[in-house]
């Protein structure tokens, strides 16, 4: 799980609570990176990045089509209807509302 915490210097950072194999709970900052990866870690990271990018491109097209079909009336909607849709998005997804609205404006 991700949490936002405030450090002593006032900086707000995102952290993740983890448990090692001995059961000890520890905290690590996100995004988590290894400073000096072993060759095996590097290979795994490169494979994951390539696979993620390919699946991202595939899923991105599907996602855009799903959004277009879900908001089919967005393009032909009046300004009042668009405002209603935006308010609904803000209510349902308060943290991601601005990103979703910008995305809708880009694809339509």
PDB file of N, CA and C in Angstrom:
ATOM      1  N   UNK A   1       0.834  -1.182   0.000  1.00  0.00           N
ATOM      2  CA  UNK A   1       0.000   0.000   0.000  1.00  0.00           C
ATOM      3  C   UNK A   1       0.877   1.242   0.000  1.00  0.00           C
ATOM      4  N   UNK A   2       0.414   2.264  -0.681  1.00  0.00           N
ATOM      5  CA  UNK A   2       1.156   3.516  -0.763  1.00  0.00           C
ATOM      6  C   UNK A   2       0.564   4.519   0.213  1.00  0.00           C
ATOM      7  N   UNK A   3       1.455   5.283   0.824  1.00  0.00           N
ATOM      8  CA  UNK A   3       1.035   6.332   1.741  1.00  0.00           C
ATOM      9  C   UNK A   3       1.874   7.568   1.490  1.00  0.00           C
ATOM     10  N   UNK A   4       1.305   8.726   1.758  1.00  0.00           N
ATOM     11  CA  UNK A   4       2.072   9.966   1.718  1.00  0.00           C
ATOM     12  C   UNK A   4       2.380  10.353   3.149  1.00  0.00           C
ATOM     13  N   UNK A   5       3.655  10.631   3.413  1.00  0.00           N
ATOM     14  CA  UNK A   5       4.052  11.059   4.756  1.00  0.00           C
ATOM     15  C   UNK A   5       4.848  12.347   4.634  1.00  0.00           C
ATOM     16  N   UNK A   6       4.902  13.086   5.717  1.00  0.00           N
ATOM     17  CA  UNK A   6       5.660  14.332   5.759  1.00  0.00           C
ATOM     18  C   UNK A   6       6.925  14.090   6.574  1.00  0.00           C
ATOM     19  N   UNK A   7       8.078  14.390   5.967  1.00  0.00           N
ATOM     20  CA  UNK A   7       9.352  14.232   6.653  1.00  0.00           C
ATOM     21  C   UNK A   7       9.570  15.386   7.627  1.00  0.00           C
ATOM     22  N   UNK A   8      10.618  15.258   8.450  1.00  0.00           N
ATOM     23  CA  UNK A   8      10.910  16.301   9.436  1.00  0.00           C
ATOM     24  C   UNK A   8      11.207  17.643   8.780  1.00  0.00           C
ATOM     25  N   UNK A   9      11.783  17.617   7.569  1.00  0.00           N
ATOM     26  CA  UNK A   9      12.104  18.868   6.884  1.00  0.00           C
ATOM     27  C   UNK A   9      10.899  19.460   6.152  1.00  0.00           C
ATOM     28  N   UNK A  10       9.722  18.827   6.291  1.00  0.00           N
ATOM     29  CA  UNK A  10       8.505  19.346   5.680  1.00  0.00           C
ATOM     30  C   UNK A  10       8.205  18.786   4.305  1.00  0.00           C
ATOM     31  N   UNK A  11       9.137  18.024   3.747  1.00  0.00           N
ATOM     32  CA  UNK A  11       8.936  17.446   2.421  1.00  0.00           C
ATOM     33  C   UNK A  11       7.927  16.302   2.499  1.00  0.00           C
ATOM     34  N   UNK A  12       7.011  16.263   1.530  1.00  0.00           N
ATOM     35  CA  UNK A  12       6.020  15.190   1.482  1.00  0.00           C
ATOM     36  C   UNK A  12       6.490  14.156   0.472  1.00  0.00           C
ATOM     37  N   UNK A  13       6.590  12.886   0.913  1.00  0.00           N
ATOM     38  CA  UNK A  13       7.051  11.821   0.030  1.00  0.00           C
ATOM     39  C   UNK A  13       6.064  10.665   0.052  1.00  0.00           C
ATOM     40  N   UNK A  14       6.090   9.884  -1.021  1.00  0.00           N
ATOM     41  CA  UNK A  14       5.240   8.707  -1.102  1.00  0.00           C
ATOM     42  C   UNK A  14       6.079   7.504  -0.676  1.00  0.00           C
ATOM     43  N   UNK A  15       5.536   6.686   0.218  1.00  0.00           N
ATOM     44  CA  UNK A  15       6.262   5.534   0.739  1.00  0.00           C
ATOM     45  C   UNK A  15       5.399   4.284   0.634  1.00  0.00           C
ATOM     46  N   UNK A  16       6.060   3.153   0.777  1.00  0.00           N
ATOM     47  CA  UNK A  16       5.377   1.865   0.762  1.00  0.00           C
ATOM     48  C   UNK A  16       5.868   1.074   1.967  1.00  0.00           C
ATOM     49  N   UNK A  17       4.936   0.473   2.702  1.00  0.00           N
ATOM     50  CA  UNK A  17       5.303  -0.376   3.823  1.00  0.00           C
ATOM     51  C   UNK A  17       5.489  -1.788   3.299  1.00  0.00           C
ATOM     52  N   UNK A  18       6.612  -2.421   3.659  1.00  0.00           N
ATOM     53  CA  UNK A  18       6.941  -3.754   3.176  1.00  0.00           C
ATOM     54  C   UNK A  18       7.281  -4.653   4.363  1.00  0.00           C
ATOM     55  N   UNK A  19       7.246  -5.951   4.128  1.00  0.00           N
ATOM     56  CA  UNK A  19       7.613  -6.920   5.158  1.00  0.00           C
ATOM     57  C   UNK A  19       8.625  -7.876   4.537  1.00  0.00           C
ATOM     58  N   UNK A  20       9.782  -8.050   5.207  1.00  0.00           N
ATOM     59  CA  UNK A  20      10.764  -8.988   4.675  1.00  0.00           C
ATOM     60  C   UNK A  20      10.439 -10.407   5.124  1.00  0.00           C
ATOM     61  N   UNK A  21      11.262 -11.387   4.710  1.00  0.00           N
ATOM     62  CA  UNK A  21      10.943 -12.790   4.988  1.00  0.00           C
ATOM     63  C   UNK A  21      10.975 -13.124   6.471  1.00  0.00           C
ATOM     64  N   UNK A  22      11.647 -12.304   7.282  1.00  0.00           N
ATOM     65  CA  UNK A  22      11.687 -12.532   8.731  1.00  0.00           C
ATOM     66  C   UNK A  22      10.495 -11.908   9.446  1.00  0.00           C
ATOM     67  N   UNK A  23       9.669 -11.180   8.715  1.00  0.00           N
ATOM     68  CA  UNK A  23       8.489 -10.572   9.312  1.00  0.00           C
ATOM     69  C   UNK A  23       8.688  -9.139   9.761  1.00  0.00           C
ATOM     70  N   UNK A  24       9.887  -8.594   9.561  1.00  0.00           N
ATOM     71  CA  UNK A  24      10.158  -7.216   9.957  1.00  0.00           C
ATOM     72  C   UNK A  24       9.506  -6.257   8.965  1.00  0.00           C
ATOM     73  N   UNK A  25       8.809  -5.261   9.477  1.00  0.00           N
ATOM     74  CA  UNK A  25       8.163  -4.264   8.626  1.00  0.00           C
ATOM     75  C   UNK A  25       9.129  -3.102   8.428  1.00  0.00           C
ATOM     76  N   UNK A  26       9.259  -2.644   7.194  1.00  0.00           N
ATOM     77  CA  UNK A  26      10.100  -1.493   6.905  1.00  0.00           C
ATOM     78  C   UNK A  26       9.411  -0.614   5.872  1.00  0.00           C
ATOM     79  N   UNK A  27       9.941   0.579   5.707  1.00  0.00           N
ATOM     80  CA  UNK A  27       9.354   1.566   4.791  1.00  0.00           C
ATOM     81  C   UNK A  27      10.373   1.872   3.712  1.00  0.00           C
ATOM     82  N   UNK A  28       9.905   1.982   2.467  1.00  0.00           N
ATOM     83  CA  UNK A  28      10.800   2.440   1.404  1.00  0.00           C
ATOM     84  C   UNK A  28      10.109   3.518   0.594  1.00  0.00           C
ATOM     85  N   UNK A  29      10.922   4.458   0.140  1.00  0.00           N
ATOM     86  CA  UNK A  29      10.389   5.566  -0.659  1.00  0.00           C
ATOM     87  C   UNK A  29      10.043   5.083  -2.053  1.00  0.00           C
ATOM     88  N   UNK A  30       9.065   5.716  -2.637  1.00  0.00           N
ATOM     89  CA  UNK A  30       8.681   5.419  -4.012  1.00  0.00           C
ATOM     90  C   UNK A  30       9.044   6.605  -4.882  1.00  0.00           C
ATOM     91  N   UNK A  31       9.436   6.484  -6.099  1.00  0.00           N
ATOM     92  CA  UNK A  31       9.647   5.226  -6.795  1.00  0.00           C
ATOM     93  C   UNK A  31      10.895   4.530  -6.280  1.00  0.00           C
ATOM     94  N   UNK A  32      10.829   3.201  -6.193  1.00  0.00           N
ATOM     95  CA  UNK A  32      11.907   2.403  -5.648  1.00  0.00           C
ATOM     96  C   UNK A  32      12.845   2.004  -6.770  1.00  0.00           C
ATOM     97  N   UNK A  33      14.131   2.270  -6.606  1.00  0.00           N
ATOM     98  CA  UNK A  33      15.117   1.869  -7.604  1.00  0.00           C
ATOM     99  C   UNK A  33      16.327   1.278  -6.900  1.00  0.00           C
ATOM    100  N   UNK A  34      17.034   0.423  -7.606  1.00  0.00           N
ATOM    101  CA  UNK A  34      18.270  -0.159  -7.095  1.00  0.00           C
ATOM    102  C   UNK A  34      19.404   0.674  -7.653  1.00  0.00           C
ATOM    103  N   UNK A  35      20.310   1.147  -6.772  1.00  0.00           N
ATOM    104  CA  UNK A  35      21.376   2.042  -7.235  1.00  0.00           C
ATOM    105  C   UNK A  35      22.388   1.317  -8.116  1.00  0.00           C
ATOM    106  N   UNK A  36      22.857   0.164  -7.681  1.00  0.00           N
ATOM    107  CA  UNK A  36      23.835  -0.606  -8.454  1.00  0.00           C
ATOM    108  C   UNK A  36      23.269  -1.995  -8.727  1.00  0.00           C
ATOM    109  N   UNK A  37      22.450  -2.132  -9.773  1.00  0.00           N
ATOM    110  CA  UNK A  37      21.813  -3.425 -10.018  1.00  0.00           C
ATOM    111  C   UNK A  37      22.813  -4.483 -10.476  1.00  0.00           C
ATOM    112  N   UNK A  38      22.563  -5.718 -10.093  1.00  0.00           N
ATOM    113  CA  UNK A  38      23.366  -6.836 -10.580  1.00  0.00           C
ATOM    114  C   UNK A  38      22.980  -7.082 -12.034  1.00  0.00           C
ATOM    115  N   UNK A  39      23.800  -7.825 -12.767  1.00  0.00           N
ATOM    116  CA  UNK A  39      23.434  -8.113 -14.167  1.00  0.00           C
ATOM    117  C   UNK A  39      22.063  -8.783 -14.289  1.00  0.00           C
ATOM    118  N   UNK A  40      21.734  -9.667 -13.348  1.00  0.00           N
ATOM    119  CA  UNK A  40      20.434 -10.345 -13.389  1.00  0.00           C
ATOM    120  C   UNK A  40      19.302  -9.338 -13.175  1.00  0.00           C
ATOM    121  N   UNK A  41      19.464  -8.427 -12.195  1.00  0.00           N
ATOM    122  CA  UNK A  41      18.439  -7.405 -11.948  1.00  0.00           C
ATOM    123  C   UNK A  41      18.269  -6.514 -13.176  1.00  0.00           C
ATOM    124  N   UNK A  42      19.377  -6.179 -13.812  1.00  0.00           N
ATOM    125  CA  UNK A  42      19.338  -5.333 -15.010  1.00  0.00           C
ATOM    126  C   UNK A  42      18.575  -6.041 -16.135  1.00  0.00           C
ATOM    127  N   UNK A  43      18.852  -7.334 -16.313  1.00  0.00           N
ATOM    128  CA  UNK A  43      18.176  -8.107 -17.354  1.00  0.00           C
ATOM    129  C   UNK A  43      16.670  -8.183 -17.095  1.00  0.00           C
ATOM    130  N   UNK A  44      16.299  -8.450 -15.846  1.00  0.00           N
ATOM    131  CA  UNK A  44      14.883  -8.532 -15.489  1.00  0.00           C
ATOM    132  C   UNK A  44      14.206  -7.188 -15.712  1.00  0.00           C
ATOM    133  N   UNK A  45      14.873  -6.108 -15.297  1.00  0.00           N
ATOM    134  CA  UNK A  45      14.293  -4.776 -15.456  1.00  0.00           C
ATOM    135  C   UNK A  45      14.089  -4.446 -16.935  1.00  0.00           C
ATOM    136  N   UNK A  46      15.076  -4.775 -17.774  1.00  0.00           N
ATOM    137  CA  UNK A  46      14.960  -4.484 -19.202  1.00  0.00           C
ATOM    138  C   UNK A  46      13.839  -5.284 -19.854  1.00  0.00           C
ATOM    139  N   UNK A  47      13.725  -6.555 -19.487  1.00  0.00           N
ATOM    140  CA  UNK A  47      12.642  -7.377 -20.035  1.00  0.00           C
ATOM    141  C   UNK A  47      11.288  -6.850 -19.600  1.00  0.00           C
ATOM    142  N   UNK A  48      11.187  -6.494 -18.325  1.00  0.00           N
ATOM    143  CA  UNK A  48       9.924  -5.980 -17.805  1.00  0.00           C
ATOM    144  C   UNK A  48       9.558  -4.671 -18.491  1.00  0.00           C
ATOM    145  N   UNK A  49      10.544  -3.795 -18.668  1.00  0.00           N
ATOM    146  CA  UNK A  49      10.281  -2.499 -19.303  1.00  0.00           C
ATOM    147  C   UNK A  49       9.803  -2.701 -20.737  1.00  0.00           C
ATOM    148  N   UNK A  50      10.445  -3.620 -21.469  1.00  0.00           N
ATOM    149  CA  UNK A  50      10.043  -3.864 -22.857  1.00  0.00           C
ATOM    150  C   UNK A  50       8.634  -4.444 -22.908  1.00  0.00           C
ATOM    151  N   UNK A  51       8.371  -5.435 -22.058  1.00  0.00           N
ATOM    152  CA  UNK A  51       7.045  -6.056 -22.037  1.00  0.00           C
ATOM    153  C   UNK A  51       5.985  -5.048 -21.620  1.00  0.00           C
ATOM    154  N   UNK A  52       6.309  -4.226 -20.637  1.00  0.00           N
ATOM    155  CA  UNK A  52       5.354  -3.229 -20.160  1.00  0.00           C
ATOM    156  C   UNK A  52       5.029  -2.229 -21.258  1.00  0.00           C
ATOM    157  N   UNK A  53       6.057  -1.805 -21.994  1.00  0.00           N
ATOM    158  CA  UNK A  53       5.846  -0.820 -23.044  1.00  0.00           C
ATOM    159  C   UNK A  53       4.950  -1.390 -24.139  1.00  0.00           C
ATOM    160  N   UNK A  54       5.215  -2.655 -24.548  1.00  0.00           N
ATOM    161  CA  UNK A  54       4.402  -3.269 -25.601  1.00  0.00           C
ATOM    162  C   UNK A  54       2.960  -3.447 -25.142  1.00  0.00           C
ATOM    163  N   UNK A  55       2.786  -3.934 -23.911  1.00  0.00           N
ATOM    164  CA  UNK A  55       1.421  -4.131 -23.414  1.00  0.00           C
ATOM    165  C   UNK A  55       0.743  -2.784 -23.178  1.00  0.00           C
ATOM    166  N   UNK A  56       1.539  -1.768 -22.795  1.00  0.00           N
ATOM    167  CA  UNK A  56       0.972  -0.433 -22.609  1.00  0.00           C
ATOM    168  C   UNK A  56       0.414   0.091 -23.923  1.00  0.00           C
ATOM    169  N   UNK A  57       1.172  -0.067 -25.011  1.00  0.00           N
ATOM    170  CA  UNK A  57       0.698   0.406 -26.313  1.00  0.00           C
ATOM    171  C   UNK A  57      -0.571  -0.308 -26.730  1.00  0.00           C
ATOM    172  N   UNK A  58      -0.609  -1.639 -26.515  1.00  0.00           N
ATOM    173  CA  UNK A  58      -1.794  -2.414 -26.863  1.00  0.00           C
ATOM    174  C   UNK A  58      -2.979  -1.991 -26.005  1.00  0.00           C
ATOM    175  N   UNK A  59      -2.739  -1.917 -24.699  1.00  0.00           N
ATOM    176  CA  UNK A  59      -3.839  -1.585 -23.793  1.00  0.00           C
ATOM    177  C   UNK A  59      -4.261  -0.125 -23.953  1.00  0.00           C
ATOM    178  N   UNK A  60      -3.336   0.729 -24.375  1.00  0.00           N
ATOM    179  CA  UNK A  60      -3.652   2.146 -24.565  1.00  0.00           C
ATOM    180  C   UNK A  60      -4.718   2.314 -25.643  1.00  0.00           C
ATOM    181  N   UNK A  61      -4.543   1.593 -26.766  1.00  0.00           N
ATOM    182  CA  UNK A  61      -5.529   1.668 -27.841  1.00  0.00           C
ATOM    183  C   UNK A  61      -6.892   1.167 -27.375  1.00  0.00           C
ATOM    184  N   UNK A  62      -6.883   0.051 -26.629  1.00  0.00           N
ATOM    185  CA  UNK A  62      -8.140  -0.482 -26.104  1.00  0.00           C
ATOM    186  C   UNK A  62      -8.781   0.503 -25.137  1.00  0.00           C
ATOM    187  N   UNK A  63      -7.945   1.117 -24.291  1.00  0.00           N
ATOM    188  CA  UNK A  63      -8.453   2.060 -23.303  1.00  0.00           C
ATOM    189  C   UNK A  63      -9.098   3.263 -23.997  1.00  0.00           C
ATOM    190  N   UNK A  64      -8.445   3.784 -25.025  1.00  0.00           N
ATOM    191  CA  UNK A  64      -8.997   4.936 -25.746  1.00  0.00           C
ATOM    192  C   UNK A  64     -10.334   4.568 -26.377  1.00  0.00           C
ATOM    193  N   UNK A  65     -10.411   3.376 -26.969  1.00  0.00           N
ATOM    194  CA  UNK A  65     -11.679   2.939 -27.567  1.00  0.00           C
ATOM    195  C   UNK A  65     -12.763   2.786 -26.510  1.00  0.00           C
ATOM    196  N   UNK A  66     -12.396   2.214 -25.357  1.00  0.00           N
ATOM    197  CA  UNK A  66     -13.372   2.061 -24.271  1.00  0.00           C
ATOM    198  C   UNK A  66     -13.874   3.418 -23.788  1.00  0.00           C
ATOM    199  N   UNK A  67     -12.960   4.366 -23.653  1.00  0.00           N
ATOM    200  CA  UNK A  67     -13.351   5.705 -23.191  1.00  0.00           C
ATOM    201  C   UNK A  67     -14.219   6.384 -24.243  1.00  0.00           C
ATOM    202  N   UNK A  68     -13.837   6.245 -25.512  1.00  0.00           N
ATOM    203  CA  UNK A  68     -14.644   6.855 -26.579  1.00  0.00           C
ATOM    204  C   UNK A  68     -16.053   6.298 -26.585  1.00  0.00           C
ATOM    205  N   UNK A  69     -16.177   4.979 -26.396  1.00  0.00           N
ATOM    206  CA  UNK A  69     -17.521   4.401 -26.403  1.00  0.00           C
ATOM    207  C   UNK A  69     -18.292   4.808 -25.146  1.00  0.00           C
ATOM    208  N   UNK A  70     -17.591   4.906 -24.010  1.00  0.00           N
ATOM    209  CA  UNK A  70     -18.266   5.297 -22.772  1.00  0.00           C
ATOM    210  C   UNK A  70     -18.723   6.750 -22.823  1.00  0.00           C
ATOM    211  N   UNK A  71     -17.947   7.592 -23.489  1.00  0.00           N
ATOM    212  CA  UNK A  71     -18.280   9.010 -23.581  1.00  0.00           C
ATOM    213  C   UNK A  71     -18.637   9.366 -25.021  1.00  0.00           C
ATOM    214  N   UNK A  72     -19.418   8.514 -25.664  1.00  0.00           N
ATOM    215  CA  UNK A  72     -19.766   8.717 -27.074  1.00  0.00           C
ATOM    216  C   UNK A  72     -20.485  10.041 -27.293  1.00  0.00           C
ATOM    217  N   UNK A  73     -21.261  10.463 -26.310  1.00  0.00           N
ATOM    218  CA  UNK A  73     -22.002  11.716 -26.479  1.00  0.00           C
ATOM    219  C   UNK A  73     -21.160  12.947 -26.126  1.00  0.00           C
ATOM    220  N   UNK A  74     -19.911  12.759 -25.716  1.00  0.00           N
ATOM    221  CA  UNK A  74     -19.053  13.886 -25.325  1.00  0.00           C
ATOM    222  C   UNK A  74     -18.841  14.835 -26.497  1.00  0.00           C
ATOM    223  N   UNK A  75     -18.558  14.261 -27.683  1.00  0.00           N
ATOM    224  CA  UNK A  75     -18.243  15.083 -28.847  1.00  0.00           C
ATOM    225  C   UNK A  75     -19.425  15.954 -29.264  1.00  0.00           C
ATOM    226  N   UNK A  76     -20.613  15.376 -29.237  1.00  0.00           N
ATOM    227  CA  UNK A  76     -21.791  16.113 -29.689  1.00  0.00           C
ATOM    228  C   UNK A  76     -22.536  16.796 -28.541  1.00  0.00           C
ATOM    229  N   UNK A  77     -22.027  16.652 -27.331  1.00  0.00           N
ATOM    230  CA  UNK A  77     -22.726  17.196 -26.161  1.00  0.00           C
ATOM    231  C   UNK A  77     -22.608  18.714 -26.098  1.00  0.00           C
ATOM    232  N   UNK A  78     -23.612  19.308 -25.502  1.00  0.00           N
ATOM    233  CA  UNK A  78     -23.568  20.752 -25.292  1.00  0.00           C
ATOM    234  C   UNK A  78     -22.596  21.045 -24.152  1.00  0.00           C
ATOM    235  N   UNK A  79     -22.252  22.306 -23.995  1.00  0.00           N
ATOM    236  CA  UNK A  79     -21.330  22.703 -22.927  1.00  0.00           C
ATOM    237  C   UNK A  79     -21.896  22.343 -21.559  1.00  0.00           C
ATOM    238  N   UNK A  80     -23.196  22.464 -21.399  1.00  0.00           N
ATOM    239  CA  UNK A  80     -23.836  22.142 -20.121  1.00  0.00           C
ATOM    240  C   UNK A  80     -23.696  20.650 -19.801  1.00  0.00           C
ATOM    241  N   UNK A  81     -23.904  19.801 -20.817  1.00  0.00           N
ATOM    242  CA  UNK A  81     -23.788  18.351 -20.626  1.00  0.00           C
ATOM    243  C   UNK A  81     -22.340  17.973 -20.303  1.00  0.00           C
ATOM    244  N   UNK A  82     -21.382  18.619 -20.982  1.00  0.00           N
ATOM    245  CA  UNK A  82     -19.965  18.349 -20.701  1.00  0.00           C
ATOM    246  C   UNK A  82     -19.617  18.724 -19.269  1.00  0.00           C
ATOM    247  N   UNK A  83     -20.155  19.846 -18.802  1.00  0.00           N
ATOM    248  CA  UNK A  83     -19.904  20.247 -17.413  1.00  0.00           C
ATOM    249  C   UNK A  83     -20.475  19.231 -16.436  1.00  0.00           C
ATOM    250  N   UNK A  84     -21.651  18.677 -16.746  1.00  0.00           N
ATOM    251  CA  UNK A  84     -22.236  17.641 -15.892  1.00  0.00           C
ATOM    252  C   UNK A  84     -21.339  16.407 -15.848  1.00  0.00           C
ATOM    253  N   UNK A  85     -20.822  16.010 -17.015  1.00  0.00           N
ATOM    254  CA  UNK A  85     -19.932  14.844 -17.075  1.00  0.00           C
ATOM    255  C   UNK A  85     -18.666  15.114 -16.267  1.00  0.00           C
ATOM    256  N   UNK A  86     -18.087  16.321 -16.405  1.00  0.00           N
ATOM    257  CA  UNK A  86     -16.873  16.662 -15.660  1.00  0.00           C
ATOM    258  C   UNK A  86     -17.122  16.666 -14.160  1.00  0.00           C
ATOM    259  N   UNK A  87     -18.260  17.171 -13.732  1.00  0.00           N
ATOM    260  CA  UNK A  87     -18.585  17.161 -12.301  1.00  0.00           C
ATOM    261  C   UNK A  87     -18.731  15.739 -11.783  1.00  0.00           C
ATOM    262  N   UNK A  88     -19.320  14.880 -12.597  1.00  0.00           N
ATOM    263  CA  UNK A  88     -19.465  13.469 -12.207  1.00  0.00           C
ATOM    264  C   UNK A  88     -18.093  12.811 -12.069  1.00  0.00           C
ATOM    265  N   UNK A  89     -17.182  13.102 -12.999  1.00  0.00           N
ATOM    266  CA  UNK A  89     -15.818  12.564 -12.925  1.00  0.00           C
ATOM    267  C   UNK A  89     -15.133  13.063 -11.662  1.00  0.00           C
ATOM    268  N   UNK A  90     -15.267  14.357 -11.366  1.00  0.00           N
ATOM    269  CA  UNK A  90     -14.641  14.918 -10.156  1.00  0.00           C
ATOM    270  C   UNK A  90     -15.193  14.275  -8.890  1.00  0.00           C
ATOM    271  N   UNK A  91     -16.481  13.944  -8.913  1.00  0.00           N
ATOM    272  CA  UNK A  91     -17.096  13.325  -7.739  1.00  0.00           C
ATOM    273  C   UNK A  91     -16.627  11.874  -7.573  1.00  0.00           C
ATOM    274  N   UNK A  92     -16.561  11.137  -8.684  1.00  0.00           N
ATOM    275  CA  UNK A  92     -16.193   9.725  -8.615  1.00  0.00           C
ATOM    276  C   UNK A  92     -14.696   9.504  -8.423  1.00  0.00           C
ATOM    277  N   UNK A  93     -13.875  10.343  -9.054  1.00  0.00           N
ATOM    278  CA  UNK A  93     -12.423  10.165  -9.010  1.00  0.00           C
ATOM    279  C   UNK A  93     -11.750  11.471  -8.598  1.00  0.00           C
ATOM    280  N   UNK A  94     -11.865  11.876  -7.335  1.00  0.00           N
ATOM    281  CA  UNK A  94     -11.347  13.190  -6.933  1.00  0.00           C
ATOM    282  C   UNK A  94      -9.842  13.357  -7.140  1.00  0.00           C
ATOM    283  N   UNK A  95      -9.057  12.286  -6.956  1.00  0.00           N
ATOM    284  CA  UNK A  95      -7.604  12.417  -7.088  1.00  0.00           C
ATOM    285  C   UNK A  95      -7.161  12.507  -8.543  1.00  0.00           C
ATOM    286  N   UNK A  96      -7.877  11.844  -9.445  1.00  0.00           N
ATOM    287  CA  UNK A  96      -7.458  11.758 -10.841  1.00  0.00           C
ATOM    288  C   UNK A  96      -8.328  12.566 -11.792  1.00  0.00           C
ATOM    289  N   UNK A  97      -9.218  13.375 -11.275  1.00  0.00           N
ATOM    290  CA  UNK A  97     -10.200  14.061 -12.116  1.00  0.00           C
ATOM    291  C   UNK A  97      -9.561  14.933 -13.187  1.00  0.00           C
ATOM    292  N   UNK A  98      -8.585  15.739 -12.816  1.00  0.00           N
ATOM    293  CA  UNK A  98      -7.996  16.665 -13.791  1.00  0.00           C
ATOM    294  C   UNK A  98      -7.306  15.914 -14.921  1.00  0.00           C
ATOM    295  N   UNK A  99      -6.626  14.818 -14.590  1.00  0.00           N
ATOM    296  CA  UNK A  99      -5.944  14.030 -15.615  1.00  0.00           C
ATOM    297  C   UNK A  99      -6.962  13.412 -16.562  1.00  0.00           C
ATOM    298  N   UNK A 100      -8.035  12.855 -16.015  1.00  0.00           N
ATOM    299  CA  UNK A 100      -9.067  12.228 -16.846  1.00  0.00           C
ATOM    300  C   UNK A 100      -9.698  13.257 -17.776  1.00  0.00           C
ATOM    301  N   UNK A 101     -10.008  14.427 -17.258  1.00  0.00           N
ATOM    302  CA  UNK A 101     -10.644  15.466 -18.072  1.00  0.00           C
ATOM    303  C   UNK A 101      -9.706  15.929 -19.186  1.00  0.00           C
ATOM    304  N   UNK A 102      -8.421  16.126 -18.880  1.00  0.00           N
ATOM    305  CA  UNK A 102      -7.463  16.523 -19.913  1.00  0.00           C
ATOM    306  C   UNK A 102      -7.352  15.434 -20.982  1.00  0.00           C
ATOM    307  N   UNK A 103      -7.365  14.169 -20.532  1.00  0.00           N
ATOM    308  CA  UNK A 103      -7.296  13.055 -21.474  1.00  0.00           C
ATOM    309  C   UNK A 103      -8.516  13.048 -22.392  1.00  0.00           C
ATOM    310  N   UNK A 104      -9.688  13.272 -21.824  1.00  0.00           N
ATOM    311  CA  UNK A 104     -10.908  13.328 -22.637  1.00  0.00           C
ATOM    312  C   UNK A 104     -10.821  14.443 -23.670  1.00  0.00           C
ATOM    313  N   UNK A 105     -10.294  15.584 -23.259  1.00  0.00           N
ATOM    314  CA  UNK A 105     -10.186  16.705 -24.184  1.00  0.00           C
ATOM    315  C   UNK A 105      -9.181  16.409 -25.294  1.00  0.00           C
ATOM    316  N   UNK A 106      -8.148  15.614 -24.976  1.00  0.00           N
ATOM    317  CA  UNK A 106      -7.158  15.274 -25.993  1.00  0.00           C
ATOM    318  C   UNK A 106      -7.694  14.297 -27.031  1.00  0.00           C
ATOM    319  N   UNK A 107      -8.437  13.274 -26.567  1.00  0.00           N
ATOM    320  CA  UNK A 107      -8.853  12.252 -27.535  1.00  0.00           C
ATOM    321  C   UNK A 107     -10.092  12.646 -28.320  1.00  0.00           C
ATOM    322  N   UNK A 108     -10.790  13.687 -27.905  1.00  0.00           N
ATOM    323  CA  UNK A 108     -11.982  14.104 -28.652  1.00  0.00           C
ATOM    324  C   UNK A 108     -11.741  15.418 -29.348  1.00  0.00           C
TER     325      UNK A 108
END
